[in-house]
C-alpha atoms as a PDB file:
ATOM      1  CA  MET A   1      -2.377 -20.243  26.115  1.00  0.00           C
ATOM      2  CA  CYS A   2      -0.333 -17.130  26.933  1.00  0.00           C
ATOM      3  CA  ARG A   3       2.455 -18.494  24.747  1.00  0.00           C
ATOM      4  CA  ASP A   4       0.108 -18.904  21.782  1.00  0.00           C
ATOM      5  CA  TYR A   5      -1.741 -15.621  22.332  1.00  0.00           C
ATOM      6  CA  PRO A   6       0.562 -13.130  24.075  1.00  0.00           C
ATOM      7  CA  VAL A   7      -1.102 -10.094  25.631  1.00  0.00           C
ATOM      8  CA  GLN A   8       1.064  -7.701  23.609  1.00  0.00           C
ATOM      9  CA  ASP A   9      -0.447  -9.162  20.405  1.00  0.00           C
ATOM     10  CA  VAL A  10      -3.973  -8.086  21.351  1.00  0.00           C
ATOM     11  CA  PRO A  11      -4.962  -5.238  19.013  1.00  0.00           C
ATOM     12  CA  THR A  12      -6.004  -1.912  20.474  1.00  0.00           C
ATOM     13  CA  PRO A  13      -9.561  -0.669  19.840  1.00  0.00           C
ATOM     14  CA  LEU A  14      -8.166   1.619  17.111  1.00  0.00           C
ATOM     15  CA  GLU A  15      -6.320  -1.284  15.464  1.00  0.00           C
ATOM     16  CA  ARG A  16      -9.448  -3.463  15.620  1.00  0.00           C
ATOM     17  CA  GLU A  17     -11.572  -0.738  14.006  1.00  0.00           C
ATOM     18  CA  ARG A  18      -8.899  -0.168  11.340  1.00  0.00           C
ATOM     19  CA  MET A  19      -8.773  -3.909  10.596  1.00  0.00           C
ATOM     20  CA  VAL A  20     -12.554  -4.051  10.108  1.00  0.00           C
ATOM     21  CA  HIS A  21     -12.473  -1.124   7.659  1.00  0.00           C
ATOM     22  CA  GLU A  22      -9.502  -2.672   5.834  1.00  0.00           C
ATOM     23  CA  ALA A  23     -11.357  -5.996   5.569  1.00  0.00           C
ATOM     24  CA  PHE A  24     -14.437  -4.186   4.247  1.00  0.00           C
ATOM     25  CA  GLN A  25     -12.233  -2.387   1.709  1.00  0.00           C
ATOM     26  CA  ALA A  26     -10.570  -5.623   0.586  1.00  0.00           C
ATOM     27  CA  SER A  27     -13.945  -7.346   0.196  1.00  0.00           C
ATOM     28  CA  ARG A  28     -15.260  -4.587  -2.073  1.00  0.00           C
ATOM     29  CA  ALA A  29     -12.128  -3.689  -4.044  1.00  0.00           C
ATOM     30  CA  HIS A  30     -12.282  -6.640  -6.426  1.00  0.00           C
ATOM     31  CA  LEU A  31     -15.961  -6.022  -7.271  1.00  0.00           C
ATOM     32  CA  TYR A  32     -15.663  -2.690  -9.086  1.00  0.00           C
ATOM     33  CA  ILE A  33     -16.935  -2.656 -12.669  1.00  0.00           C
ATOM     34  CA  GLY A  34     -16.963   1.089 -13.257  1.00  0.00           C
ATOM     35  CA  GLY A  35     -15.371   3.479 -15.611  1.00  0.00           C
ATOM     36  CA  GLN A  36     -11.948   5.086 -15.509  1.00  0.00           C
ATOM     37  CA  GLN A  37     -13.623   8.516 -15.629  1.00  0.00           C
ATOM     38  CA  TYR A  38     -14.575   8.185 -11.923  1.00  0.00           C
ATOM     39  CA  PHE A  39     -10.997   7.407 -10.904  1.00  0.00           C
ATOM     40  CA  THR A  40      -9.825  10.346 -13.016  1.00  0.00           C
ATOM     41  CA  ARG A  41     -12.248  12.701 -11.247  1.00  0.00           C
ATOM     42  CA  LEU A  42     -11.182  11.426  -7.833  1.00  0.00           C
ATOM     43  CA  HIS A  43      -7.484  11.804  -8.688  1.00  0.00           C
ATOM     44  CA  GLU A  44      -8.162  15.331  -9.967  1.00  0.00           C
ATOM     45  CA  HIS A  45      -9.815  16.171  -6.654  1.00  0.00           C
ATOM     46  CA  VAL A  46      -6.863  14.894  -4.651  1.00  0.00           C
ATOM     47  CA  ASN A  47      -4.294  16.585  -6.884  1.00  0.00           C
ATOM     48  CA  ARG A  48      -6.193  19.881  -6.854  1.00  0.00           C
ATOM     49  CA  SER A  49      -6.439  19.805  -3.056  1.00  0.00           C
ATOM     50  CA  GLY A  50      -2.699  19.261  -2.512  1.00  0.00           C
ATOM     51  CA  ASN A  51      -1.655  19.453   1.134  1.00  0.00           C
ATOM     52  CA  ASN A  52      -5.007  20.916   2.176  1.00  0.00           C
ATOM     53  CA  PRO A  53      -7.472  18.337   0.926  1.00  0.00           C
ATOM     54  CA  ASP A  54     -11.157  19.072   0.915  1.00  0.00           C
ATOM     55  CA  ALA A  55     -13.468  16.397   2.229  1.00  0.00           C
ATOM     56  CA  LEU A  56     -15.050  14.261  -0.415  1.00  0.00           C
ATOM     57  CA  VAL A  57     -18.353  12.435  -0.204  1.00  0.00           C
ATOM     58  CA  VAL A  58     -19.441   9.924  -2.827  1.00  0.00           C
ATOM     59  CA  LEU A  59     -23.199   9.590  -3.135  1.00  0.00           C
ATOM     60  CA  GLY A  60     -25.321   7.304  -5.271  1.00  0.00           C
ATOM     61  CA  GLU A  61     -28.176   4.862  -5.360  1.00  0.00           C
ATOM     62  CA  SER A  62     -27.954   1.645  -3.389  1.00  0.00           C
ATOM     63  CA  GLY A  63     -25.992  -0.925  -5.371  1.00  0.00           C
ATOM     64  CA  SER A  64     -24.528   1.620  -7.786  1.00  0.00           C
ATOM     65  CA  GLY A  65     -20.922   0.766  -6.876  1.00  0.00           C
ATOM     66  CA  LYS A  66     -20.024   3.546  -4.423  1.00  0.00           C
ATOM     67  CA  SER A  67     -18.282   1.225  -1.990  1.00  0.00           C
ATOM     68  CA  SER A  68     -16.358  -0.594  -4.703  1.00  0.00           C
ATOM     69  CA  LEU A  69     -15.309   2.671  -6.353  1.00  0.00           C
ATOM     70  CA  VAL A  70     -14.075   4.211  -3.106  1.00  0.00           C
ATOM     71  CA  CYS A  71     -12.386   0.985  -1.949  1.00  0.00           C
ATOM     72  CA  ASN A  72     -10.499   0.690  -5.238  1.00  0.00           C
ATOM     73  CA  PHE A  73      -9.548   4.348  -5.241  1.00  0.00           C
ATOM     74  CA  VAL A  74      -8.321   4.251  -1.641  1.00  0.00           C
ATOM     75  CA  GLN A  75      -6.218   1.188  -2.442  1.00  0.00           C
ATOM     76  CA  GLN A  76      -4.712   3.050  -5.418  1.00  0.00           C
ATOM     77  CA  LEU A  77      -3.890   6.043  -3.223  1.00  0.00           C
ATOM     78  CA  GLN A  78      -2.322   3.863  -0.564  1.00  0.00           C
ATOM     79  CA  GLN A  79      -0.165   2.040  -3.116  1.00  0.00           C
ATOM     80  CA  GLN A  80       0.888   5.148  -5.050  1.00  0.00           C
ATOM     81  CA  ASN A  81       1.462   7.448  -2.084  1.00  0.00           C
ATOM     82  CA  ARG A  82       2.888   5.406   0.749  1.00  0.00           C
ATOM     83  CA  ARG A  83       3.853   8.571   2.659  1.00  0.00           C
ATOM     84  CA  THR A  84       0.295   9.896   2.541  1.00  0.00           C
ATOM     85  CA  LEU A  85      -2.065   9.103   5.374  1.00  0.00           C
ATOM     86  CA  VAL A  86      -5.347   7.879   3.942  1.00  0.00           C
ATOM     87  CA  ILE A  87      -8.144   7.342   6.433  1.00  0.00           C
ATOM     88  CA  ALA A  88     -10.974   5.364   4.911  1.00  0.00           C
ATOM     89  CA  HIS A  89     -14.116   5.113   7.005  1.00  0.00           C
ATOM     90  CA  TYR A  90     -16.932   3.060   5.525  1.00  0.00           C
ATOM     91  CA  ILE A  91     -20.410   3.722   6.892  1.00  0.00           C
ATOM     92  CA  GLY A  92     -22.117   0.369   7.407  1.00  0.00           C
ATOM     93  CA  SER A  93     -18.923  -1.666   7.762  1.00  0.00           C
ATOM     94  CA  THR A  94     -19.431  -2.006  11.527  1.00  0.00           C
ATOM     95  CA  ALA A  95     -22.366  -1.589  13.871  1.00  0.00           C
ATOM     96  CA  GLU A  96     -20.902   1.677  15.164  1.00  0.00           C
ATOM     97  CA  SER A  97     -19.455   3.060  11.917  1.00  0.00           C
ATOM     98  CA  ALA A  98     -22.277   5.602  11.503  1.00  0.00           C
ATOM     99  CA  ASP A  99     -21.835   7.016  15.016  1.00  0.00           C
ATOM    100  CA  LEU A 100     -20.466  10.519  14.441  1.00  0.00           C
ATOM    101  CA  GLY A 101     -18.593  10.693  17.735  1.00  0.00           C
ATOM    102  CA  LYS A 102     -16.886   7.355  17.228  1.00  0.00           C
ATOM    103  CA  MET A 103     -16.052   8.224  13.627  1.00  0.00           C
ATOM    104  CA  LEU A 104     -14.482  11.541  14.684  1.00  0.00           C
ATOM    105  CA  ARG A 105     -12.599   9.834  17.502  1.00  0.00           C
ATOM    106  CA  ARG A 106     -11.202   7.245  15.098  1.00  0.00           C
ATOM    107  CA  ILE A 107     -10.092   9.895  12.601  1.00  0.00           C
ATOM    108  CA  ILE A 108      -8.411  11.916  15.351  1.00  0.00           C
ATOM    109  CA  GLU A 109      -6.711   8.815  16.755  1.00  0.00           C
ATOM    110  CA  GLU A 110      -5.482   7.780  13.290  1.00  0.00           C
ATOM    111  CA  ILE A 111      -3.986  11.243  12.725  1.00  0.00           C
ATOM    112  CA  ALA A 112      -2.503  11.343  16.228  1.00  0.00           C
ATOM    113  CA  GLU A 113      -0.924   7.901  15.811  1.00  0.00           C
ATOM    114  CA  HIS A 114       0.460   8.730  12.375  1.00  0.00           C
ATOM    115  CA  TRP A 115       2.104  11.970  13.504  1.00  0.00           C
ATOM    116  CA  GLU A 116       2.748  10.835  17.085  1.00  0.00           C
ATOM    117  CA  LEU A 117       0.490  13.511  18.618  1.00  0.00           C
ATOM    118  CA  ASP A 118      -1.405  13.515  21.916  1.00  0.00           C
ATOM    119  CA  CYS A 119      -5.019  14.303  21.035  1.00  0.00           C
ATOM    120  CA  GLU A 120      -6.821  12.306  23.735  1.00  0.00           C
ATOM    121  CA  GLY A 121      -8.523  15.365  25.234  1.00  0.00           C
ATOM    122  CA  LEU A 122      -9.754  16.559  21.858  1.00  0.00           C
ATOM    123  CA  ALA A 123     -11.098  13.118  20.961  1.00  0.00           C
ATOM    124  CA  SER A 124     -13.004  12.911  24.254  1.00  0.00           C
ATOM    125  CA  ASP A 125     -14.421  16.420  23.825  1.00  0.00           C
ATOM    126  CA  LEU A 126     -15.624  15.584  20.303  1.00  0.00           C
ATOM    127  CA  MET A 127     -17.209  12.366  21.553  1.00  0.00           C
ATOM    128  CA  ALA A 128     -19.161  14.332  24.170  1.00  0.00           C
ATOM    129  CA  TRP A 129     -20.191  17.001  21.648  1.00  0.00           C
ATOM    130  CA  SER A 130     -21.368  14.549  19.023  1.00  0.00           C
ATOM    131  CA  SER A 131     -23.342  12.329  21.387  1.00  0.00           C
ATOM    132  CA  SER A 132     -25.752  15.068  22.385  1.00  0.00           C
ATOM    133  CA  SER A 133     -27.581  18.003  20.900  1.00  0.00           C
ATOM    134  CA  PRO A 134     -29.769  20.641  22.558  1.00  0.00           C
ATOM    135  CA  SER A 135     -32.755  18.318  22.168  1.00  0.00           C
ATOM    136  CA  GLY A 136     -30.806  15.376  23.584  1.00  0.00           C
ATOM    137  CA  SER A 137     -31.014  13.354  20.375  1.00  0.00           C
ATOM    138  CA  PRO A 138     -27.872  12.111  18.625  1.00  0.00           C
ATOM    139  CA  ARG A 139     -26.464  14.201  15.794  1.00  0.00           C
ATOM    140  CA  PRO A 140     -27.069  12.541  12.401  1.00  0.00           C
ATOM    141  CA  VAL A 141     -24.460  11.390   9.942  1.00  0.00           C
ATOM    142  CA  GLY A 142     -25.563  11.859   6.360  1.00  0.00           C
ATOM    143  CA  SER A 143     -22.864  10.424   4.124  1.00  0.00           C
ATOM    144  CA  GLN A 144     -22.658   6.936   2.711  1.00  0.00           C
ATOM    145  CA  GLU A 145     -18.945   6.811   1.969  1.00  0.00           C
ATOM    146  CA  ALA A 146     -16.274   9.285   2.950  1.00  0.00           C
ATOM    147  CA  TRP A 147     -12.502   9.466   2.926  1.00  0.00           C
ATOM    148  CA  CYS A 148      -9.887  11.940   3.923  1.00  0.00           C
ATOM    149  CA  SER A 149      -6.235  12.130   2.996  1.00  0.00           C
ATOM    150  CA  CYS A 150      -3.553  14.155   4.716  1.00  0.00           C
ATOM    151  CA  SER A 151      -0.005  14.592   3.442  1.00  0.00           C
ATOM    152  CA  THR A 152       2.949  14.147   5.727  1.00  0.00           C
ATOM    153  CA  PRO A 153       4.467  17.395   6.989  1.00  0.00           C
END
């Protein structure tokens, strides 16, 4: 059994989460039946933002094609800009994908891995912050789809 499934081949929690989001993206990417004007607007946003990208949230009615649009666009970015880190996080792709603390931790870990940084303390602090509020209730997450891109230094 160890020969067939070596311990070093077991994905880390970050790799497992990334694989789930990639699988979600792949499952939606071939479904898009939208217009080029949306891709043009998204590309304009990325190009206008340059090395300091603004966050982007895509909102729309249920079933309007948000996931397919974003999945296709993220795939285009990844193929066209291999040196650019694109972190796609799809709310609803996993049971914990809407948890703000876990989402922030994943984004921090993706950035830290990409640029070989040690951000463990920051990730833990953000997890603690996001899991509580003065009233003790979890902080809400309000976006349906979100993505962030960061250029290499």
